């Protein structure tokens, strides 16, 4: 009897109580390798924001922020096989989110390791604009109406001397229920 009780207690300590949620995550995807253009801010570009279902757990909305930057490979066809489509991954832009004690979500786009991949002709400003819009759509989709508005602060870090004009993308938005 004692052995059974010990095994039950041991197995209970190994079980963790995590909640898994299936959520819609919007991502800025490159459409390179296709014949498709989409309009973004008055420009025809080979990129677009798409939603995909993802299973997430842990700290929310911080993990939602991370999910926007996760790699994405579209299914291959007989004449299309591209290894990576997420612009944040392709440009090696790191994304992080931290919730402050005051309830503000601080989101950092870190450009320290950024480089433009070969074959993708998009300005970094467009990549960041699409990424910020994807983040906003993800948070709006997740935010429940009964919750108070979520203040989101956007920071662009790791800007080089030639990319100083990107500082104007610092700012933020409010997600309302």
N, C-alpha and C. Protein backbone atom coordinates (compact mmCIF):
# COMPACT_ATOMS: atom_id res chain seq x y z
N UNK A 1 0.82 -1.19 0.00
CA UNK A 1 0.00 0.00 0.00
C UNK A 1 0.87 1.26 0.00
N UNK A 2 1.90 1.21 0.79
CA UNK A 2 2.81 2.36 0.87
C UNK A 2 3.47 2.61 -0.48
N UNK A 3 3.83 1.56 -1.21
CA UNK A 3 4.46 1.68 -2.52
C UNK A 3 3.50 2.34 -3.51
N UNK A 4 2.24 1.93 -3.48
CA UNK A 4 1.24 2.51 -4.37
C UNK A 4 1.06 3.99 -4.08
N UNK A 5 0.97 4.35 -2.82
CA UNK A 5 0.83 5.74 -2.43
C UNK A 5 2.04 6.56 -2.86
N UNK A 6 3.22 6.02 -2.69
CA UNK A 6 4.44 6.70 -3.11
C UNK A 6 4.45 6.92 -4.62
N UNK A 7 4.07 5.91 -5.38
CA UNK A 7 4.01 6.05 -6.85
C UNK A 7 2.98 7.08 -7.27
N UNK A 8 1.84 7.12 -6.62
CA UNK A 8 0.82 8.12 -6.94
C UNK A 8 1.31 9.53 -6.66
N UNK A 9 1.95 9.72 -5.53
CA UNK A 9 2.49 11.04 -5.20
C UNK A 9 3.60 11.44 -6.16
N UNK A 10 4.45 10.50 -6.52
CA UNK A 10 5.54 10.79 -7.46
C UNK A 10 4.99 11.17 -8.83
N UNK A 11 3.98 10.45 -9.30
CA UNK A 11 3.42 10.76 -10.61
C UNK A 11 2.66 12.08 -10.58
N UNK A 12 2.04 12.41 -9.47
CA UNK A 12 1.33 13.68 -9.35
C UNK A 12 2.29 14.86 -9.41
N UNK A 13 3.48 14.68 -8.86
CA UNK A 13 4.45 15.77 -8.88
C UNK A 13 5.02 15.98 -10.29
N UNK A 14 4.99 14.94 -11.13
CA UNK A 14 5.49 15.07 -12.50
C UNK A 14 4.47 15.73 -13.42
N UNK A 15 3.20 15.62 -13.08
CA UNK A 15 2.15 16.21 -13.91
C UNK A 15 2.14 17.71 -13.69
N UNK A 16 2.13 18.43 -14.79
CA UNK A 16 2.07 19.88 -14.65
C UNK A 16 0.73 20.37 -15.16
N UNK A 17 0.27 21.42 -14.58
CA UNK A 17 -1.04 21.96 -14.94
C UNK A 17 -0.87 23.12 -15.90
N UNK A 18 -0.64 22.79 -17.16
CA UNK A 18 -0.54 23.83 -18.16
C UNK A 18 -1.80 23.83 -19.00
N UNK A 19 -2.18 25.00 -19.40
CA UNK A 19 -3.34 25.15 -20.26
C UNK A 19 -2.85 25.32 -21.69
N UNK A 20 -3.33 24.47 -22.56
CA UNK A 20 -3.00 24.57 -23.98
C UNK A 20 -4.17 25.22 -24.69
N UNK A 21 -3.89 26.25 -25.47
CA UNK A 21 -4.92 26.96 -26.21
C UNK A 21 -4.60 26.93 -27.69
N UNK A 22 -5.62 26.78 -28.51
CA UNK A 22 -5.46 26.92 -29.95
C UNK A 22 -5.88 28.35 -30.28
N UNK A 23 -4.94 29.11 -30.80
CA UNK A 23 -5.17 30.53 -31.07
C UNK A 23 -4.79 30.86 -32.50
N UNK A 24 -5.39 31.94 -33.00
CA UNK A 24 -5.01 32.45 -34.31
C UNK A 24 -3.84 33.41 -34.12
N UNK A 25 -2.78 33.17 -34.87
CA UNK A 25 -1.60 34.03 -34.82
C UNK A 25 -1.39 34.58 -36.23
N UNK A 26 -1.28 35.88 -36.32
CA UNK A 26 -1.03 36.53 -37.60
C UNK A 26 0.47 36.70 -37.78
N UNK A 27 0.95 36.42 -38.99
CA UNK A 27 2.38 36.51 -39.26
C UNK A 27 2.61 37.27 -40.57
N UNK A 28 3.73 38.01 -40.65
CA UNK A 28 4.09 38.68 -41.89
C UNK A 28 4.83 37.68 -42.78
N UNK A 29 4.20 37.25 -43.86
CA UNK A 29 4.79 36.21 -44.69
C UNK A 29 5.23 36.74 -46.04
N UNK A 30 6.39 36.27 -46.46
CA UNK A 30 6.90 36.57 -47.79
C UNK A 30 6.20 35.67 -48.79
N UNK A 31 5.90 36.20 -49.94
CA UNK A 31 5.28 35.42 -51.00
C UNK A 31 6.28 35.18 -52.13
N UNK A 32 7.60 35.25 -51.80
CA UNK A 32 8.61 34.99 -52.82
C UNK A 32 8.43 33.57 -53.33
N UNK A 33 8.70 33.39 -54.59
CA UNK A 33 8.49 32.08 -55.20
C UNK A 33 7.09 31.91 -55.76
N UNK A 34 6.25 32.93 -55.58
CA UNK A 34 4.89 32.89 -56.16
C UNK A 34 4.76 34.03 -57.16
N UNK A 35 3.62 34.08 -57.82
CA UNK A 35 3.35 35.14 -58.79
C UNK A 35 2.34 36.15 -58.25
N UNK A 36 2.31 36.29 -56.92
CA UNK A 36 1.28 37.09 -56.26
C UNK A 36 1.87 38.34 -55.62
N UNK A 37 1.18 39.46 -55.80
CA UNK A 37 1.47 40.71 -55.10
C UNK A 37 0.23 41.09 -54.29
N UNK A 38 0.48 41.79 -53.18
CA UNK A 38 -0.63 42.32 -52.38
C UNK A 38 -0.33 43.76 -52.04
N UNK A 39 -1.38 44.52 -51.81
CA UNK A 39 -1.24 45.93 -51.49
C UNK A 39 -1.00 46.09 -49.99
N UNK A 40 0.00 46.89 -49.65
CA UNK A 40 0.25 47.28 -48.27
C UNK A 40 0.67 48.74 -48.27
N UNK A 41 -0.15 49.56 -47.62
CA UNK A 41 0.09 51.00 -47.53
C UNK A 41 0.31 51.63 -48.90
N UNK A 42 -0.54 51.24 -49.85
CA UNK A 42 -0.50 51.83 -51.18
C UNK A 42 0.54 51.26 -52.12
N UNK A 43 1.25 50.24 -51.71
CA UNK A 43 2.31 49.64 -52.52
C UNK A 43 2.00 48.18 -52.80
N UNK A 44 2.29 47.72 -54.01
CA UNK A 44 2.16 46.30 -54.33
C UNK A 44 3.46 45.61 -53.91
N UNK A 45 3.35 44.65 -53.00
CA UNK A 45 4.53 43.94 -52.49
C UNK A 45 4.28 42.44 -52.52
N UNK A 46 5.36 41.68 -52.52
CA UNK A 46 5.26 40.21 -52.47
C UNK A 46 5.32 39.75 -51.03
N UNK A 47 4.36 40.19 -50.26
CA UNK A 47 4.24 39.82 -48.84
C UNK A 47 2.83 40.12 -48.40
N UNK A 48 2.43 39.46 -47.31
CA UNK A 48 1.08 39.68 -46.79
C UNK A 48 0.99 39.12 -45.37
N UNK A 49 0.04 39.62 -44.62
CA UNK A 49 -0.21 39.10 -43.28
C UNK A 49 -1.25 37.98 -43.40
N UNK A 50 -0.90 36.82 -42.87
CA UNK A 50 -1.81 35.68 -42.87
C UNK A 50 -1.95 35.18 -41.44
N UNK A 51 -3.12 34.60 -41.15
CA UNK A 51 -3.35 33.98 -39.84
C UNK A 51 -3.15 32.48 -39.96
N UNK A 52 -2.68 31.88 -38.86
CA UNK A 52 -2.56 30.42 -38.79
C UNK A 52 -2.90 29.98 -37.38
N UNK A 53 -3.48 28.81 -37.24
CA UNK A 53 -3.76 28.32 -35.89
C UNK A 53 -2.48 27.79 -35.26
N UNK A 54 -2.31 28.07 -33.97
CA UNK A 54 -1.15 27.57 -33.23
C UNK A 54 -1.60 27.15 -31.85
N UNK A 55 -0.96 26.12 -31.32
CA UNK A 55 -1.20 25.70 -29.94
C UNK A 55 -0.16 26.40 -29.08
N UNK A 56 -0.64 27.17 -28.11
CA UNK A 56 0.24 27.94 -27.25
C UNK A 56 -0.11 27.69 -25.79
N UNK A 57 0.87 27.86 -24.94
CA UNK A 57 0.64 27.80 -23.50
C UNK A 57 1.62 28.76 -22.84
N UNK A 58 1.46 28.91 -21.56
CA UNK A 58 2.37 29.78 -20.82
C UNK A 58 1.87 31.19 -20.71
N UNK A 59 2.80 32.10 -20.49
CA UNK A 59 2.46 33.51 -20.23
C UNK A 59 1.85 34.16 -21.47
N UNK A 60 0.67 34.69 -21.26
CA UNK A 60 0.00 35.42 -22.34
C UNK A 60 -0.15 36.86 -21.88
N UNK A 61 0.07 37.84 -22.71
CA UNK A 61 0.22 37.79 -24.15
C UNK A 61 1.67 37.67 -24.63
N UNK A 62 2.61 37.49 -23.70
CA UNK A 62 4.02 37.43 -24.09
C UNK A 62 4.30 36.32 -25.11
N UNK A 63 3.70 35.15 -24.92
CA UNK A 63 3.94 34.05 -25.86
C UNK A 63 3.26 34.28 -27.20
N UNK A 64 2.21 35.08 -27.22
CA UNK A 64 1.60 35.48 -28.49
C UNK A 64 2.58 36.32 -29.30
N UNK A 65 3.29 37.21 -28.62
CA UNK A 65 4.29 38.05 -29.28
C UNK A 65 5.35 37.15 -29.92
N UNK A 66 5.85 36.19 -29.16
CA UNK A 66 6.87 35.28 -29.69
C UNK A 66 6.34 34.48 -30.88
N UNK A 67 5.07 34.10 -30.83
CA UNK A 67 4.48 33.28 -31.89
C UNK A 67 4.44 34.00 -33.23
N UNK A 68 4.32 35.31 -33.21
CA UNK A 68 4.29 36.09 -34.46
C UNK A 68 5.59 35.88 -35.23
N UNK A 69 6.69 35.64 -34.52
CA UNK A 69 8.00 35.50 -35.16
C UNK A 69 8.44 34.05 -35.37
N UNK A 70 7.58 33.08 -35.08
CA UNK A 70 8.00 31.69 -35.26
C UNK A 70 8.12 31.36 -36.74
N UNK A 71 9.02 30.46 -37.06
CA UNK A 71 9.20 30.06 -38.47
C UNK A 71 7.89 29.53 -39.07
N UNK A 72 7.78 29.71 -40.37
CA UNK A 72 6.59 29.24 -41.10
C UNK A 72 7.02 28.75 -42.48
N UNK A 73 6.70 27.50 -42.77
CA UNK A 73 6.95 26.95 -44.09
C UNK A 73 5.62 26.57 -44.71
N UNK A 74 5.32 27.15 -45.86
CA UNK A 74 4.09 26.79 -46.54
C UNK A 74 4.25 25.40 -47.15
N UNK A 75 3.16 24.66 -47.24
CA UNK A 75 3.25 23.33 -47.86
C UNK A 75 3.77 23.43 -49.30
N UNK A 76 4.64 22.52 -49.66
CA UNK A 76 5.23 22.51 -51.00
C UNK A 76 4.24 21.91 -52.01
N UNK A 77 4.38 22.34 -53.24
CA UNK A 77 3.66 21.73 -54.36
C UNK A 77 4.70 21.29 -55.38
N UNK A 78 4.25 20.77 -56.51
CA UNK A 78 5.22 20.28 -57.50
C UNK A 78 6.14 21.37 -58.03
N UNK A 79 5.73 22.63 -57.98
CA UNK A 79 6.59 23.70 -58.48
C UNK A 79 6.82 24.82 -57.46
N UNK A 80 6.57 24.54 -56.19
CA UNK A 80 6.80 25.53 -55.13
C UNK A 80 7.32 24.80 -53.89
N UNK A 81 8.51 25.17 -53.48
CA UNK A 81 9.09 24.58 -52.27
C UNK A 81 10.04 25.60 -51.66
N UNK A 82 9.51 26.41 -50.74
CA UNK A 82 10.28 27.45 -50.09
C UNK A 82 10.42 27.07 -48.62
N UNK A 83 11.64 27.07 -48.11
CA UNK A 83 11.90 26.60 -46.74
C UNK A 83 11.35 27.52 -45.66
N UNK A 84 11.31 28.80 -45.89
CA UNK A 84 10.87 29.75 -44.86
C UNK A 84 10.12 30.90 -45.48
N UNK A 85 9.02 31.33 -44.82
CA UNK A 85 8.20 32.43 -45.33
C UNK A 85 8.04 33.58 -44.34
N UNK A 86 8.25 33.34 -43.03
CA UNK A 86 8.05 34.41 -42.06
C UNK A 86 9.14 35.46 -42.25
N UNK A 87 8.72 36.69 -42.51
CA UNK A 87 9.69 37.76 -42.77
C UNK A 87 10.58 38.04 -41.57
N UNK A 88 10.05 37.91 -40.36
CA UNK A 88 10.88 38.13 -39.17
C UNK A 88 12.00 37.10 -39.09
N UNK A 89 11.69 35.87 -39.41
CA UNK A 89 12.71 34.82 -39.42
C UNK A 89 13.70 35.04 -40.56
N UNK A 90 13.17 35.33 -41.75
CA UNK A 90 14.04 35.54 -42.91
C UNK A 90 15.03 36.69 -42.71
N UNK A 91 14.56 37.77 -42.09
CA UNK A 91 15.41 38.94 -41.87
C UNK A 91 16.18 38.86 -40.55
N UNK A 92 16.00 37.78 -39.82
CA UNK A 92 16.64 37.54 -38.52
C UNK A 92 16.39 38.67 -37.53
N UNK A 93 15.12 39.09 -37.46
CA UNK A 93 14.69 40.10 -36.51
C UNK A 93 14.15 39.38 -35.29
N UNK A 94 14.71 39.68 -34.14
CA UNK A 94 14.26 39.05 -32.90
C UNK A 94 13.11 39.85 -32.31
N UNK A 95 12.13 39.14 -31.78
CA UNK A 95 10.94 39.76 -31.23
C UNK A 95 10.76 39.26 -29.80
N UNK A 96 10.46 40.18 -28.89
CA UNK A 96 10.22 39.79 -27.50
C UNK A 96 9.12 40.67 -26.92
N UNK A 97 8.45 40.15 -25.91
CA UNK A 97 7.40 40.89 -25.24
C UNK A 97 7.47 40.68 -23.75
N UNK A 98 7.36 41.76 -23.00
CA UNK A 98 7.40 41.70 -21.54
C UNK A 98 6.24 42.54 -21.00
N UNK A 99 5.47 41.92 -20.11
CA UNK A 99 4.36 42.62 -19.47
C UNK A 99 4.88 43.31 -18.22
N UNK A 100 4.64 44.60 -18.11
CA UNK A 100 5.09 45.34 -16.94
C UNK A 100 4.09 45.17 -15.80
N UNK A 101 4.50 45.56 -14.61
CA UNK A 101 3.60 45.52 -13.45
C UNK A 101 2.40 46.45 -13.62
N UNK A 102 2.57 47.49 -14.43
CA UNK A 102 1.48 48.44 -14.65
C UNK A 102 0.49 47.94 -15.70
N UNK A 103 0.77 46.78 -16.32
CA UNK A 103 -0.15 46.23 -17.30
C UNK A 103 0.14 46.63 -18.73
N UNK A 104 1.29 47.24 -18.98
CA UNK A 104 1.68 47.61 -20.33
C UNK A 104 2.54 46.51 -20.93
N UNK A 105 2.27 46.14 -22.17
CA UNK A 105 3.06 45.14 -22.88
C UNK A 105 4.13 45.86 -23.69
N UNK A 106 5.38 45.61 -23.35
CA UNK A 106 6.51 46.21 -24.06
C UNK A 106 7.01 45.20 -25.08
N UNK A 107 6.94 45.56 -26.37
CA UNK A 107 7.36 44.67 -27.45
C UNK A 107 8.60 45.28 -28.12
N UNK A 108 9.65 44.45 -28.20
CA UNK A 108 10.92 44.91 -28.78
C UNK A 108 11.20 44.15 -30.07
N UNK A 109 11.44 44.91 -31.13
CA UNK A 109 11.94 44.36 -32.39
C UNK A 109 13.44 44.65 -32.39
N UNK A 110 14.25 43.61 -32.25
CA UNK A 110 15.70 43.78 -32.17
C UNK A 110 16.32 43.52 -33.53
N UNK A 111 16.95 44.55 -34.10
CA UNK A 111 17.54 44.47 -35.44
C UNK A 111 19.05 44.20 -35.42
N UNK A 112 19.60 43.86 -34.27
CA UNK A 112 21.05 43.68 -34.15
C UNK A 112 21.59 42.66 -35.15
N UNK A 113 20.89 41.55 -35.33
CA UNK A 113 21.36 40.49 -36.24
C UNK A 113 20.72 40.56 -37.62
N UNK A 114 19.93 41.59 -37.86
CA UNK A 114 19.17 41.69 -39.09
C UNK A 114 20.05 41.77 -40.33
N UNK A 115 19.61 41.05 -41.35
CA UNK A 115 20.20 41.21 -42.68
C UNK A 115 19.14 40.85 -43.71
N UNK A 116 19.17 41.53 -44.85
CA UNK A 116 18.19 41.29 -45.90
C UNK A 116 18.56 40.00 -46.63
N UNK A 117 17.63 39.05 -46.68
CA UNK A 117 17.93 37.80 -47.37
C UNK A 117 17.96 37.98 -48.88
N UNK A 118 18.73 37.15 -49.53
CA UNK A 118 18.84 37.18 -50.98
C UNK A 118 17.51 36.78 -51.61
N UNK A 119 17.11 37.50 -52.64
CA UNK A 119 15.90 37.15 -53.37
C UNK A 119 14.62 37.75 -52.84
N UNK A 120 14.70 38.48 -51.73
CA UNK A 120 13.50 39.12 -51.18
C UNK A 120 13.71 40.62 -51.24
N UNK A 121 12.96 41.26 -52.09
CA UNK A 121 13.13 42.69 -52.32
C UNK A 121 12.08 43.48 -51.57
N UNK A 122 12.29 43.58 -50.26
CA UNK A 122 11.40 44.37 -49.41
C UNK A 122 12.25 45.27 -48.52
N UNK A 123 11.90 46.54 -48.43
CA UNK A 123 12.62 47.41 -47.50
C UNK A 123 12.32 47.00 -46.06
N UNK A 124 13.27 47.20 -45.18
CA UNK A 124 13.11 46.84 -43.77
C UNK A 124 11.92 47.58 -43.15
N UNK A 125 11.66 48.79 -43.59
CA UNK A 125 10.51 49.55 -43.08
C UNK A 125 9.21 48.81 -43.39
N UNK A 126 9.09 48.24 -44.57
CA UNK A 126 7.90 47.47 -44.94
C UNK A 126 7.79 46.20 -44.11
N UNK A 127 8.92 45.51 -43.90
CA UNK A 127 8.93 44.30 -43.08
C UNK A 127 8.47 44.62 -41.67
N UNK A 128 8.98 45.69 -41.10
CA UNK A 128 8.58 46.08 -39.74
C UNK A 128 7.11 46.53 -39.71
N UNK A 129 6.67 47.26 -40.73
CA UNK A 129 5.28 47.69 -40.79
C UNK A 129 4.33 46.50 -40.83
N UNK A 130 4.64 45.51 -41.66
CA UNK A 130 3.83 44.29 -41.72
C UNK A 130 3.87 43.55 -40.39
N UNK A 131 5.04 43.50 -39.77
CA UNK A 131 5.20 42.78 -38.50
C UNK A 131 4.43 43.44 -37.38
N UNK A 132 4.46 44.75 -37.31
CA UNK A 132 3.70 45.47 -36.28
C UNK A 132 2.21 45.27 -36.50
N UNK A 133 1.77 45.31 -37.76
CA UNK A 133 0.36 45.07 -38.06
C UNK A 133 -0.05 43.64 -37.70
N UNK A 134 0.81 42.66 -37.98
CA UNK A 134 0.52 41.26 -37.62
C UNK A 134 0.42 41.11 -36.10
N UNK A 135 1.31 41.76 -35.38
CA UNK A 135 1.27 41.73 -33.92
C UNK A 135 -0.05 42.33 -33.41
N UNK A 136 -0.43 43.46 -33.96
CA UNK A 136 -1.66 44.13 -33.55
C UNK A 136 -2.88 43.23 -33.80
N UNK A 137 -2.95 42.62 -34.97
CA UNK A 137 -4.07 41.74 -35.30
C UNK A 137 -4.11 40.52 -34.38
N UNK A 138 -2.94 39.98 -34.05
CA UNK A 138 -2.87 38.82 -33.15
C UNK A 138 -3.39 39.19 -31.77
N UNK A 139 -2.93 40.31 -31.24
CA UNK A 139 -3.37 40.73 -29.91
C UNK A 139 -4.85 41.10 -29.89
N UNK A 140 -5.34 41.73 -30.94
CA UNK A 140 -6.76 42.08 -31.01
C UNK A 140 -7.63 40.83 -31.07
N UNK A 141 -7.17 39.81 -31.79
CA UNK A 141 -7.93 38.57 -31.90
C UNK A 141 -7.99 37.84 -30.56
N UNK A 142 -6.94 37.93 -29.78
CA UNK A 142 -6.86 37.23 -28.49
C UNK A 142 -7.57 37.97 -27.37
N UNK A 143 -7.53 39.30 -27.41
CA UNK A 143 -8.03 40.13 -26.30
C UNK A 143 -9.53 39.94 -26.11
N UNK A 144 -9.93 39.69 -24.88
CA UNK A 144 -11.34 39.48 -24.56
C UNK A 144 -12.02 40.81 -24.23
N UNK A 145 -13.26 41.00 -24.70
CA UNK A 145 -13.97 42.27 -24.47
C UNK A 145 -14.11 42.63 -22.99
N UNK A 146 -14.22 41.63 -22.11
CA UNK A 146 -14.41 41.96 -20.69
C UNK A 146 -13.12 42.44 -20.02
N UNK A 147 -11.98 42.29 -20.68
CA UNK A 147 -10.71 42.78 -20.12
C UNK A 147 -10.54 44.26 -20.40
N UNK A 148 -9.78 44.91 -19.54
CA UNK A 148 -9.51 46.33 -19.78
C UNK A 148 -8.58 46.46 -20.99
N UNK A 149 -8.57 47.62 -21.61
CA UNK A 149 -7.70 47.82 -22.78
C UNK A 149 -6.24 47.52 -22.45
N UNK A 150 -5.55 46.95 -23.44
CA UNK A 150 -4.14 46.60 -23.30
C UNK A 150 -3.30 47.64 -24.02
N UNK A 151 -2.42 48.30 -23.28
CA UNK A 151 -1.52 49.28 -23.88
C UNK A 151 -0.26 48.54 -24.34
N UNK A 152 0.10 48.72 -25.61
CA UNK A 152 1.27 48.06 -26.19
C UNK A 152 2.28 49.12 -26.60
N UNK A 153 3.50 48.98 -26.11
CA UNK A 153 4.58 49.90 -26.45
C UNK A 153 5.53 49.18 -27.40
N UNK A 154 5.81 49.79 -28.55
CA UNK A 154 6.70 49.21 -29.56
C UNK A 154 8.04 49.91 -29.50
N UNK A 155 9.10 49.12 -29.42
CA UNK A 155 10.47 49.65 -29.44
C UNK A 155 11.27 48.95 -30.53
N UNK A 156 11.97 49.73 -31.34
CA UNK A 156 12.85 49.19 -32.36
C UNK A 156 14.27 49.39 -31.84
N UNK A 157 14.97 48.29 -31.59
CA UNK A 157 16.33 48.36 -31.05
C UNK A 157 17.34 47.79 -32.03
N UNK A 158 18.61 48.12 -31.82
CA UNK A 158 19.68 47.62 -32.68
C UNK A 158 19.74 48.31 -34.03
N UNK A 159 19.29 49.54 -34.07
CA UNK A 159 19.26 50.30 -35.32
C UNK A 159 20.67 50.78 -35.64
N UNK A 160 21.09 50.57 -36.88
CA UNK A 160 22.41 51.03 -37.32
C UNK A 160 22.33 52.50 -37.73
N UNK A 161 23.47 53.07 -37.99
CA UNK A 161 23.55 54.47 -38.40
C UNK A 161 22.73 54.72 -39.67
N UNK A 162 22.77 53.79 -40.62
CA UNK A 162 22.06 53.99 -41.89
C UNK A 162 20.54 53.80 -41.75
N UNK A 163 20.11 53.16 -40.66
CA UNK A 163 18.68 52.90 -40.46
C UNK A 163 18.05 53.79 -39.39
N UNK A 164 18.63 54.94 -39.12
CA UNK A 164 18.12 55.84 -38.08
C UNK A 164 16.68 56.27 -38.32
N UNK A 165 16.26 56.31 -39.58
CA UNK A 165 14.90 56.75 -39.88
C UNK A 165 13.84 55.78 -39.35
N UNK A 166 14.25 54.56 -38.99
CA UNK A 166 13.30 53.57 -38.45
C UNK A 166 12.85 53.91 -37.04
N UNK A 167 13.53 54.83 -36.40
CA UNK A 167 13.16 55.22 -35.02
C UNK A 167 11.73 55.72 -34.94
N UNK A 168 11.21 56.25 -36.05
CA UNK A 168 9.84 56.76 -36.01
C UNK A 168 8.80 55.63 -35.89
N UNK A 169 9.23 54.38 -36.01
CA UNK A 169 8.31 53.25 -35.81
C UNK A 169 8.12 52.94 -34.33
N UNK A 170 8.99 53.50 -33.47
CA UNK A 170 8.76 53.38 -32.03
C UNK A 170 7.43 54.04 -31.72
N UNK A 171 6.72 53.49 -30.82
CA UNK A 171 5.41 54.06 -30.47
C UNK A 171 4.56 53.00 -29.82
N UNK A 172 3.38 52.82 -30.33
CA UNK A 172 2.52 51.81 -29.75
C UNK A 172 1.09 51.95 -30.18
N UNK A 173 0.24 51.16 -29.52
CA UNK A 173 -1.17 51.16 -29.81
C UNK A 173 -1.91 50.58 -28.60
N UNK A 174 -3.22 50.73 -28.63
CA UNK A 174 -4.05 50.20 -27.53
C UNK A 174 -4.99 49.16 -28.13
N UNK A 175 -5.02 48.00 -27.49
CA UNK A 175 -5.94 46.94 -27.91
C UNK A 175 -7.17 47.02 -27.00
N UNK A 176 -8.30 47.29 -27.62
CA UNK A 176 -9.55 47.41 -26.84
C UNK A 176 -10.38 46.15 -27.01
N UNK A 177 -11.19 45.87 -26.03
CA UNK A 177 -12.05 44.69 -26.06
C UNK A 177 -13.26 44.83 -26.91
